[in-house]
Protein backbone atom coordinates (compact mmCIF):
# COMPACT_ATOMS: atom_id res chain seq x y z
CA MET A 1 67.89 -115.14 3.67
CA SER A 2 64.77 -116.78 4.64
CA ALA A 3 63.25 -114.39 6.68
CA VAL A 4 63.50 -112.13 3.17
CA ALA A 5 61.92 -115.08 1.34
CA ILE A 6 58.82 -115.60 3.49
CA ALA A 7 57.95 -111.65 4.26
CA PRO A 8 54.78 -110.66 2.38
CA ALA A 9 55.50 -108.39 -0.90
CA ALA A 10 54.48 -104.79 0.06
CA PRO A 11 51.59 -103.62 -2.17
CA SER A 12 51.97 -101.55 -5.23
CA ALA A 13 51.36 -98.04 -4.75
CA SER A 14 49.04 -98.05 -7.73
CA ARG A 15 47.36 -101.07 -5.64
CA VAL A 16 46.78 -99.44 -2.81
CA LEU A 17 45.51 -96.07 -4.09
CA PHE A 18 42.97 -97.87 -6.39
CA ALA A 19 42.16 -99.74 -3.57
CA SER A 20 41.26 -96.57 -1.36
CA LEU A 21 39.49 -95.30 -4.25
CA ILE A 22 37.50 -97.72 -5.54
CA GLY A 23 35.67 -98.56 -1.73
CA THR A 24 34.78 -94.76 -1.73
CA THR A 25 33.79 -94.42 -5.19
CA ILE A 26 31.15 -97.51 -4.66
CA GLU A 27 30.16 -95.88 -1.22
CA PHE A 28 29.52 -92.74 -2.81
CA PHE A 29 27.62 -94.49 -5.82
CA ASP A 30 25.91 -95.91 -3.43
CA PHE A 31 24.86 -92.88 -1.28
CA TYR A 32 24.38 -90.62 -3.93
CA ILE A 33 21.50 -92.57 -5.70
CA TYR A 34 19.87 -92.55 -2.57
CA ALA A 35 19.94 -88.81 -2.25
CA THR A 36 19.01 -88.66 -6.17
CA ALA A 37 16.17 -91.02 -5.44
CA ALA A 38 15.28 -89.01 -2.21
CA VAL A 39 14.66 -85.54 -3.91
CA LEU A 40 12.82 -87.49 -7.43
CA VAL A 41 11.46 -90.89 -6.33
CA PHE A 42 11.02 -91.32 -3.12
CA PRO A 43 8.05 -88.60 -2.10
CA LYS A 44 5.94 -90.15 -4.80
CA LEU A 45 6.32 -93.80 -4.16
CA PHE A 46 7.04 -94.44 -0.25
CA PHE A 47 5.51 -91.29 1.42
CA PRO A 48 1.67 -90.01 1.07
CA ALA A 49 1.21 -88.04 -1.50
CA ALA A 50 -1.40 -85.77 -0.56
CA ASP A 51 1.16 -82.78 -0.27
CA PRO A 52 4.17 -82.98 -2.54
CA ASN A 53 6.34 -80.52 0.00
CA THR A 54 5.61 -82.16 2.84
CA ALA A 55 6.29 -85.82 1.30
CA THR A 56 10.18 -83.89 -0.15
CA LEU A 57 10.57 -82.90 3.19
CA GLN A 58 9.26 -86.42 4.88
CA SER A 59 11.58 -88.40 2.49
CA LEU A 60 14.89 -85.39 3.29
CA ALA A 61 14.48 -86.73 6.72
CA THR A 62 14.96 -90.27 5.81
CA PHE A 63 18.25 -88.81 3.78
CA ALA A 64 19.28 -87.32 7.21
CA LEU A 65 18.87 -90.42 9.42
CA ALA A 66 21.95 -91.99 7.69
CA PHE A 67 24.05 -89.02 9.17
CA LEU A 68 23.27 -89.95 12.34
CA ALA A 69 24.12 -93.49 11.91
CA ARG A 70 27.71 -93.04 10.64
CA PRO A 71 28.88 -92.23 14.16
CA ILE A 72 27.78 -95.51 15.26
CA GLY A 73 29.47 -96.88 12.52
CA SER A 74 32.57 -94.61 13.30
CA ALA A 75 32.72 -95.83 16.71
CA VAL A 76 31.64 -100.33 15.77
CA PHE A 77 34.39 -100.07 12.45
CA GLY A 78 36.59 -97.39 14.07
CA HIS A 79 36.62 -100.10 17.20
CA PHE A 80 38.01 -102.93 15.03
CA GLY A 81 40.11 -100.89 12.13
CA ASP A 82 42.36 -99.93 15.45
CA ARG A 83 42.09 -103.33 17.25
CA ILE A 84 42.20 -105.97 13.91
CA GLY A 85 43.57 -104.28 11.04
CA ARG A 86 42.61 -101.59 8.46
CA LYS A 87 41.86 -104.00 5.73
CA ALA A 88 39.26 -106.66 7.47
CA THR A 89 37.31 -103.64 8.79
CA LEU A 90 37.32 -102.09 5.51
CA VAL A 91 35.88 -105.23 3.54
CA ALA A 92 33.24 -105.32 6.44
CA ALA A 93 32.14 -101.80 6.05
CA LEU A 94 32.08 -102.60 2.12
CA LEU A 95 29.65 -105.15 2.50
CA THR A 96 27.39 -103.45 4.95
CA MET A 97 27.29 -100.20 2.47
CA GLY A 98 26.33 -102.67 -0.38
CA LEU A 99 23.58 -105.00 1.56
CA SER A 100 21.72 -101.92 2.75
CA THR A 101 21.72 -100.21 -0.85
CA VAL A 102 20.62 -103.94 -2.41
CA ALA A 103 17.85 -104.03 -0.22
CA ILE A 104 16.49 -100.83 -1.06
CA ASP A 105 16.07 -102.49 -4.59
CA LEU A 106 13.77 -104.69 -3.43
CA LEU A 107 11.45 -102.79 -1.01
CA PRO A 108 7.36 -102.39 -1.53
CA THR A 109 6.38 -98.71 -1.98
CA TYR A 110 3.24 -97.43 0.15
CA HIS A 111 0.93 -98.22 -1.94
CA SER A 112 1.60 -101.80 -1.37
CA ILE A 113 2.19 -102.02 2.01
CA GLY A 114 1.61 -98.57 3.57
CA ILE A 115 3.30 -96.96 6.35
CA LEU A 116 5.56 -100.11 6.68
CA ALA A 117 7.11 -99.13 3.14
CA PRO A 118 9.01 -95.54 4.69
CA ALA A 119 9.83 -97.56 8.26
CA LEU A 120 11.85 -100.21 5.97
CA LEU A 121 13.42 -97.36 3.73
CA ALA A 122 14.88 -95.47 7.10
CA VAL A 123 16.13 -98.99 8.41
CA CYS A 124 17.86 -99.80 5.07
CA ARG A 125 19.47 -95.58 4.95
CA PHE A 126 20.50 -96.64 8.81
CA GLY A 127 22.47 -99.62 7.11
CA GLN A 128 24.03 -97.38 4.56
CA GLY A 129 24.84 -94.88 7.35
CA LEU A 130 26.60 -97.50 9.19
CA GLY A 131 28.58 -98.87 6.23
CA LEU A 132 29.54 -95.27 5.26
CA GLY A 133 30.47 -94.64 8.80
CA GLY A 134 32.96 -97.02 8.83
CA GLU A 135 34.73 -96.55 5.22
CA TRP A 136 35.47 -93.54 4.38
CA GLY A 137 38.04 -93.59 7.40
CA GLY A 138 39.66 -96.84 6.77
CA ALA A 139 39.69 -96.01 3.16
CA VAL A 140 42.15 -92.66 3.94
CA LEU A 141 44.34 -94.58 6.07
CA LEU A 142 45.01 -96.78 4.22
CA ALA A 143 46.15 -94.72 1.55
CA THR A 144 47.88 -91.94 3.94
CA GLU A 145 49.51 -94.50 5.98
CA ASN A 146 51.39 -96.27 2.90
CA ALA A 147 52.37 -92.70 1.66
CA PRO A 148 55.82 -91.85 1.32
CA PRO A 149 57.49 -88.60 2.63
CA GLY A 150 56.07 -85.22 1.06
CA LYS A 151 53.17 -87.01 -0.94
CA ARG A 152 50.90 -87.47 1.82
CA ALA A 153 47.92 -85.04 0.76
CA TRP A 154 48.59 -86.85 -2.61
CA TYR A 155 47.85 -90.22 -1.32
CA GLY A 156 44.88 -88.94 0.73
CA MET A 157 43.39 -87.42 -1.83
CA PHE A 158 42.18 -90.62 -3.56
CA PRO A 159 39.40 -91.28 -1.64
CA GLN A 160 38.57 -88.60 -1.90
CA LEU A 161 38.24 -88.76 -5.51
CA GLY A 162 35.67 -91.31 -4.84
CA ALA A 163 33.08 -88.67 -4.05
CA PRO A 164 32.63 -87.00 -7.59
CA ILE A 165 33.28 -90.26 -9.45
CA GLY A 166 30.66 -92.04 -7.27
CA PHE A 167 28.65 -88.74 -7.42
CA PHE A 168 29.01 -89.04 -11.75
CA LEU A 169 28.00 -92.64 -12.04
CA SER A 170 24.96 -92.04 -10.02
CA THR A 171 23.47 -88.78 -11.64
CA GLY A 172 25.08 -90.28 -15.20
CA ILE A 173 22.91 -93.62 -14.40
CA PHE A 174 19.51 -91.53 -13.42
CA LEU A 175 20.22 -89.46 -16.20
CA LEU A 176 20.16 -92.51 -19.04
CA LEU A 177 17.18 -94.07 -17.38
CA THR A 178 15.07 -91.18 -17.62
CA GLY A 179 16.22 -90.24 -21.16
CA THR A 180 15.57 -93.92 -22.09
CA MET A 181 12.35 -94.68 -20.71
CA GLY A 182 8.84 -92.20 -20.06
CA ASP A 183 7.79 -91.58 -16.20
CA ALA A 184 5.78 -94.53 -16.07
CA ALA A 185 8.46 -97.40 -16.84
CA PHE A 186 10.55 -95.36 -14.28
CA PHE A 187 8.28 -94.77 -11.10
CA ALA A 188 7.25 -98.33 -11.89
CA TRP A 189 10.79 -99.93 -12.02
CA GLY A 190 13.46 -98.16 -13.61
CA TRP A 191 14.28 -96.25 -10.33
CA ARG A 192 15.62 -99.80 -9.08
CA ILE A 193 18.00 -100.46 -11.44
CA PRO A 194 21.00 -98.34 -9.67
CA PHE A 195 20.10 -99.77 -6.86
CA LEU A 196 20.19 -103.58 -7.94
CA ALA A 197 23.92 -102.19 -9.99
CA SER A 198 25.30 -101.57 -7.02
CA ALA A 199 25.56 -105.12 -6.08
CA VAL A 200 28.23 -105.78 -9.20
CA LEU A 201 30.30 -102.72 -8.16
CA VAL A 202 30.32 -104.56 -4.62
CA LEU A 203 32.00 -107.42 -5.90
CA VAL A 204 34.38 -105.09 -7.78
CA GLY A 205 35.43 -103.89 -4.75
CA LEU A 206 35.77 -107.11 -2.39
CA TRP A 207 37.83 -108.27 -5.01
CA VAL A 208 40.67 -105.68 -4.82
CA ARG A 209 40.08 -105.12 -1.40
CA LEU A 210 40.69 -108.58 -0.54
CA ARG A 211 44.10 -108.42 -2.39
CA ILE A 212 45.93 -105.69 0.05
CA SER A 213 47.94 -105.97 3.25
CA GLU A 214 48.01 -103.93 6.31
CA THR A 215 49.45 -100.55 6.14
CA PRO A 216 53.17 -100.03 7.64
CA ALA A 217 51.82 -97.82 10.03
CA PHE A 218 49.57 -100.63 11.56
CA GLN A 219 51.65 -103.38 11.52
CA ARG A 220 54.43 -100.72 13.36
CA ALA A 221 51.43 -100.28 15.91
CA ILE A 222 51.12 -103.96 16.15
CA ASP A 223 54.59 -105.17 16.91
CA GLN A 224 55.36 -102.07 19.17
CA HIS A 225 52.09 -103.55 21.49
CA GLU A 226 50.54 -100.08 20.71
CA ARG A 227 47.13 -101.21 20.21
CA VAL A 228 44.37 -100.09 22.86
CA ARG A 229 41.69 -101.78 24.33
CA LEU A 230 38.92 -99.77 23.51
CA PRO A 231 39.92 -96.88 21.10
CA MET A 232 36.43 -95.11 21.34
CA LEU A 233 37.52 -94.31 25.31
CA LYS A 234 40.95 -93.53 24.71
CA VAL A 235 39.62 -90.76 21.82
CA LEU A 236 37.23 -89.36 24.33
CA ALA A 237 39.46 -89.43 27.67
CA HIS A 238 43.01 -88.16 25.87
CA HIS A 239 42.06 -86.62 22.54
CA PRO A 240 38.84 -84.90 23.17
CA GLY A 241 40.02 -81.55 21.92
CA ALA A 242 41.39 -83.21 18.38
CA LEU A 243 38.36 -84.49 17.89
CA ILE A 244 36.13 -81.20 18.56
CA VAL A 245 38.45 -79.59 16.30
CA GLY A 246 38.73 -81.86 13.25
CA THR A 247 34.23 -81.99 13.77
CA PHE A 248 34.44 -78.23 13.21
CA ALA A 249 37.32 -77.99 10.49
CA ALA A 250 34.85 -80.42 8.56
CA LEU A 251 31.67 -79.23 8.95
CA ALA A 252 31.37 -76.19 6.21
CA THR A 253 32.38 -79.05 3.51
CA PHE A 254 29.62 -80.74 4.27
CA VAL A 255 27.21 -78.13 4.20
CA LEU A 256 28.80 -76.81 0.99
CA PHE A 257 28.59 -80.27 -0.46
CA TYR A 258 24.83 -81.11 0.15
CA LEU A 259 23.54 -77.56 -0.49
CA MET A 260 25.37 -77.84 -4.22
CA THR A 261 23.81 -81.57 -4.69
CA VAL A 262 20.53 -82.59 -2.78
CA PHE A 263 19.24 -78.97 -1.77
CA ALA A 264 20.36 -77.21 -5.32
CA LEU A 265 18.43 -80.52 -7.08
CA SER A 266 15.74 -79.89 -5.18
CA TRP A 267 15.26 -76.34 -5.46
CA GLY A 268 15.92 -76.36 -9.00
CA THR A 269 13.58 -78.57 -10.15
CA SER A 270 10.69 -77.62 -8.17
CA GLN A 271 11.00 -73.79 -7.86
CA LEU A 272 13.64 -72.54 -11.34
CA GLY A 273 11.37 -74.51 -13.85
CA TYR A 274 14.43 -77.34 -14.65
CA THR A 275 13.47 -80.77 -15.78
CA ARG A 276 15.22 -83.48 -13.81
CA GLU A 277 17.23 -84.08 -16.77
CA GLN A 278 18.36 -80.68 -17.42
CA PHE A 279 19.60 -80.28 -13.79
CA LEU A 280 21.13 -83.43 -13.70
CA GLN A 281 23.03 -82.60 -16.47
CA LEU A 282 24.17 -79.34 -15.01
CA GLN A 283 25.13 -80.95 -11.97
CA LEU A 284 27.66 -83.20 -13.77
CA GLY A 285 29.20 -80.38 -15.24
CA GLY A 286 29.47 -78.78 -11.84
CA VAL A 287 30.97 -82.44 -10.61
CA VAL A 288 33.65 -82.28 -13.40
CA CYS A 289 35.24 -79.08 -11.62
CA PHE A 290 34.84 -80.74 -8.21
CA ALA A 291 37.15 -83.93 -9.59
CA VAL A 292 39.78 -80.95 -11.04
CA THR A 293 39.84 -79.06 -7.86
CA ILE A 294 40.49 -82.01 -5.39
CA PRO A 295 43.99 -83.30 -7.15
CA LEU A 296 45.05 -79.38 -7.05
CA SER A 297 44.33 -78.69 -3.47
CA ALA A 298 46.44 -81.87 -2.43
CA VAL A 299 49.27 -80.43 -4.27
CA PHE A 300 49.11 -77.24 -2.58
CA ALA A 301 48.57 -79.25 0.55
CA ASP A 302 51.94 -80.91 0.38
CA ARG A 303 53.88 -77.68 -0.72
CA ARG A 304 52.41 -75.12 1.64
CA GLY A 305 50.78 -77.23 4.28
CA ARG A 306 47.11 -78.90 4.61
CA ARG A 307 46.21 -76.15 7.36
CA LEU A 308 46.60 -73.28 4.87
CA ALA A 309 45.31 -75.12 1.96
CA MET A 310 41.93 -75.56 4.32
CA ILE A 311 42.25 -72.40 5.46
CA LEU A 312 42.10 -70.46 2.01
CA SER A 313 38.78 -73.02 0.77
CA THR A 314 36.95 -71.93 3.66
CA GLY A 315 36.91 -68.73 3.28
CA ALA A 316 36.01 -69.21 -0.29
CA ILE A 317 33.07 -71.11 1.21
CA VAL A 318 32.20 -67.89 3.41
CA LEU A 319 32.57 -65.77 0.14
CA PHE A 320 30.61 -68.10 -1.52
CA GLY A 321 27.78 -68.02 0.62
CA LEU A 322 27.44 -64.39 0.82
CA TYR A 323 27.00 -64.18 -3.29
CA PHE A 324 24.75 -67.93 -3.35
CA ALA A 325 21.06 -66.15 -3.78
CA GLU A 326 22.26 -63.62 -6.47
CA LEU A 327 24.10 -66.90 -8.41
CA PHE A 328 21.33 -69.56 -8.04
CA SER A 329 18.45 -67.39 -8.34
CA SER A 330 19.08 -66.33 -11.78
CA GLY A 331 17.03 -68.97 -12.90
CA SER A 332 19.10 -69.38 -16.66
CA VAL A 333 20.75 -71.77 -17.49
CA PRO A 334 24.84 -70.44 -17.71
CA GLY A 335 24.28 -68.66 -14.44
CA THR A 336 23.18 -72.03 -13.25
CA LEU A 337 25.81 -73.76 -14.52
CA ILE A 338 28.63 -71.23 -12.95
CA PHE A 339 26.80 -71.74 -9.62
CA LEU A 340 27.46 -74.99 -9.90
CA GLY A 341 31.14 -75.06 -10.97
CA LEU A 342 31.76 -72.35 -8.58
CA GLY A 343 30.34 -74.16 -5.54
CA LEU A 344 31.47 -77.72 -6.17
CA GLY A 345 34.81 -76.57 -7.43
CA ILE A 346 35.55 -75.00 -4.20
CA MET A 347 34.05 -77.82 -2.79
CA GLY A 348 37.06 -80.09 -3.87
CA LEU A 349 39.33 -77.42 -2.95
CA THR A 350 38.35 -78.02 0.57
CA TYR A 351 37.93 -81.95 0.21
CA GLY A 352 41.02 -82.63 -0.83
CA PRO A 353 43.15 -82.58 2.21
CA LEU A 354 40.41 -82.63 4.80
CA GLY A 355 41.09 -86.55 4.79
CA THR A 356 44.56 -86.06 5.40
CA ILE A 357 44.28 -83.26 8.00
CA LEU A 358 42.31 -85.44 9.80
CA ALA A 359 43.95 -88.48 9.89
CA GLU A 360 47.45 -86.42 10.91
CA MET A 361 45.59 -85.15 14.16
CA PHE A 362 45.32 -88.29 15.69
CA PRO A 363 48.07 -91.39 16.88
CA THR A 364 48.17 -94.55 15.00
CA ALA A 365 46.48 -96.76 17.59
CA VAL A 366 43.54 -94.69 17.71
CA ARG A 367 43.37 -92.63 14.21
CA TYR A 368 40.60 -94.98 12.42
CA THR A 369 38.21 -94.30 15.43
CA GLY A 370 39.55 -90.52 15.62
CA ALA A 371 39.69 -89.59 12.31
CA SER A 372 36.40 -91.87 11.53
CA LEU A 373 34.39 -90.19 14.52
CA ALA A 374 35.54 -86.80 13.28
CA PHE A 375 34.49 -86.85 9.60
CA ASN A 376 31.01 -88.58 10.59
CA LEU A 377 30.06 -85.78 13.45
CA ALA A 378 30.61 -83.30 11.41
CA GLY A 379 28.26 -85.12 8.93
CA ILE A 380 25.38 -84.94 11.51
CA PHE A 381 26.04 -81.07 12.14
CA GLY A 382 26.82 -79.95 8.97
CA ALA A 383 24.65 -82.64 6.75
CA SER A 384 22.31 -84.36 7.97
CA LEU A 385 19.77 -81.36 8.00
CA ALA A 386 21.48 -79.64 5.34
CA PRO A 387 18.99 -80.38 3.07
CA TYR A 388 16.33 -79.73 4.70
CA ALA A 389 17.16 -76.61 7.24
CA ALA A 390 18.16 -75.10 3.64
CA THR A 391 14.49 -75.65 2.06
CA TRP A 392 12.68 -74.78 5.21
CA LEU A 393 14.79 -71.56 4.72
CA ALA A 394 14.24 -70.95 1.49
CA GLN A 395 10.53 -70.81 1.35
CA ARG A 396 10.22 -68.96 4.58
CA TYR A 397 12.85 -66.14 4.18
CA GLY A 398 14.36 -66.80 0.34
CA LEU A 399 17.46 -68.19 -1.18
CA GLU A 400 19.63 -65.34 0.66
CA PHE A 401 19.55 -67.01 4.00
CA VAL A 402 20.73 -70.22 2.91
CA GLY A 403 23.54 -68.51 1.69
CA PHE A 404 23.46 -66.98 5.25
CA TYR A 405 23.64 -70.62 6.57
CA LEU A 406 26.48 -71.46 4.44
CA ALA A 407 28.77 -68.34 5.38
CA ALA A 408 27.78 -69.18 8.80
CA ALA A 409 29.00 -72.84 8.71
CA GLY A 410 32.39 -71.42 7.24
CA ALA A 411 32.88 -68.98 9.85
CA LEU A 412 32.97 -72.01 12.59
CA THR A 413 35.01 -73.99 10.37
CA LEU A 414 37.66 -71.15 10.20
CA ILE A 415 37.69 -71.09 13.84
CA ALA A 416 38.32 -74.29 14.23
CA LEU A 417 41.23 -74.47 11.26
CA LEU A 418 42.96 -71.84 13.04
CA MET A 419 42.93 -74.03 16.83
CA VAL A 420 44.85 -77.01 14.53
CA ARG A 421 48.48 -76.32 15.80
CA GLU A 422 50.99 -75.65 12.81
CA ASP A 423 52.89 -78.91 13.42
CA GLU A 424 49.95 -80.87 13.46
CA GLY A 425 49.23 -82.46 10.04
CA GLU A 426 52.57 -80.91 8.96
CA SER A 427 55.27 -83.31 10.58
CA GLU A 428 56.08 -86.54 8.53
CA SER A 429 56.14 -88.71 11.26
CA ALA A 430 53.02 -88.41 12.31
CA LEU A 431 51.84 -91.18 10.80
């Protein structure tokens, strides 16, 4: 009786799912406000303005920097997540991301301090990457390691929903600002408001995260003395195949998303004649499709298997890549909306089960490190250079080659998914 009385109460399902969702929503909100500003604001304020195209490419290069930081964040936060626990590590990752984002709000521009401005911007962007490198894996594990039998993909899709929600909030606040103030005010101080607003969201996230407890799977690892001293070395020495396959299994997801968001925004406003308000509104329509297809894919994945769900959605990515130029080059509002809705809808189909299938590839003792590292290495290869490479390809060879680039990434992901064992990611005992 006394043992029962002092045992900590298990967190409710709603609290666990909300904690996993709110953290990734904040993290992706921070990440996307940078992505939007990298196209609309930073080329004008943080880089020499002699050549607008060069300034845009330089700004996109700082955007890519965070993806180089994310595997480092995976290693650092993954180590503590597998050694100390999911809860404390998630709090630290959220703080790292949030403080880096708020710091961007305080930066002086190129006009004020010259070349030091883009250097400081790059440092803050690196900090964002560190935080997100530790956030995603922990949020997915918080959900999946608390999931009941037969519901793992459904639970695992809640942190994935943070991506469209964060994008919707970030795009919405930029639309609100650009619609209520002139260009002079927006570029003078208005663009800083989204970065400052991140501080409020971080406080909400911390309050939620501090009220949860450790996951049952990690507690069992503690009780059974399964924790390893150096999780990163364990992953590299004993699970290199899972790491490589997991990285390429997530590759096409990253390429697709950053083509549909950062590249599409840049190309639509610079080459297709849209104003930033018009294109952001169209992207919001596409993000609705993104949010709707994530839970649909999770239901399918729980019923028919995570591997099959990923294979089918990746096949759709390849087909979409082959028609990318035809869909995006119409220039009409209905055509562009169909392009964005279709691309981001497919994105939701592949993104929904992705977190669950990566988590299932690694044992509990190194799961935080392994899943995070695979996800963020895919970010380096699939997302860090995607806007830059797509802009370069489109300017020199045309939009068709951007589509070929996406289709090639999809083909690599299909090969990786075919190498995932049928029982890997399907056994309820894996978690």
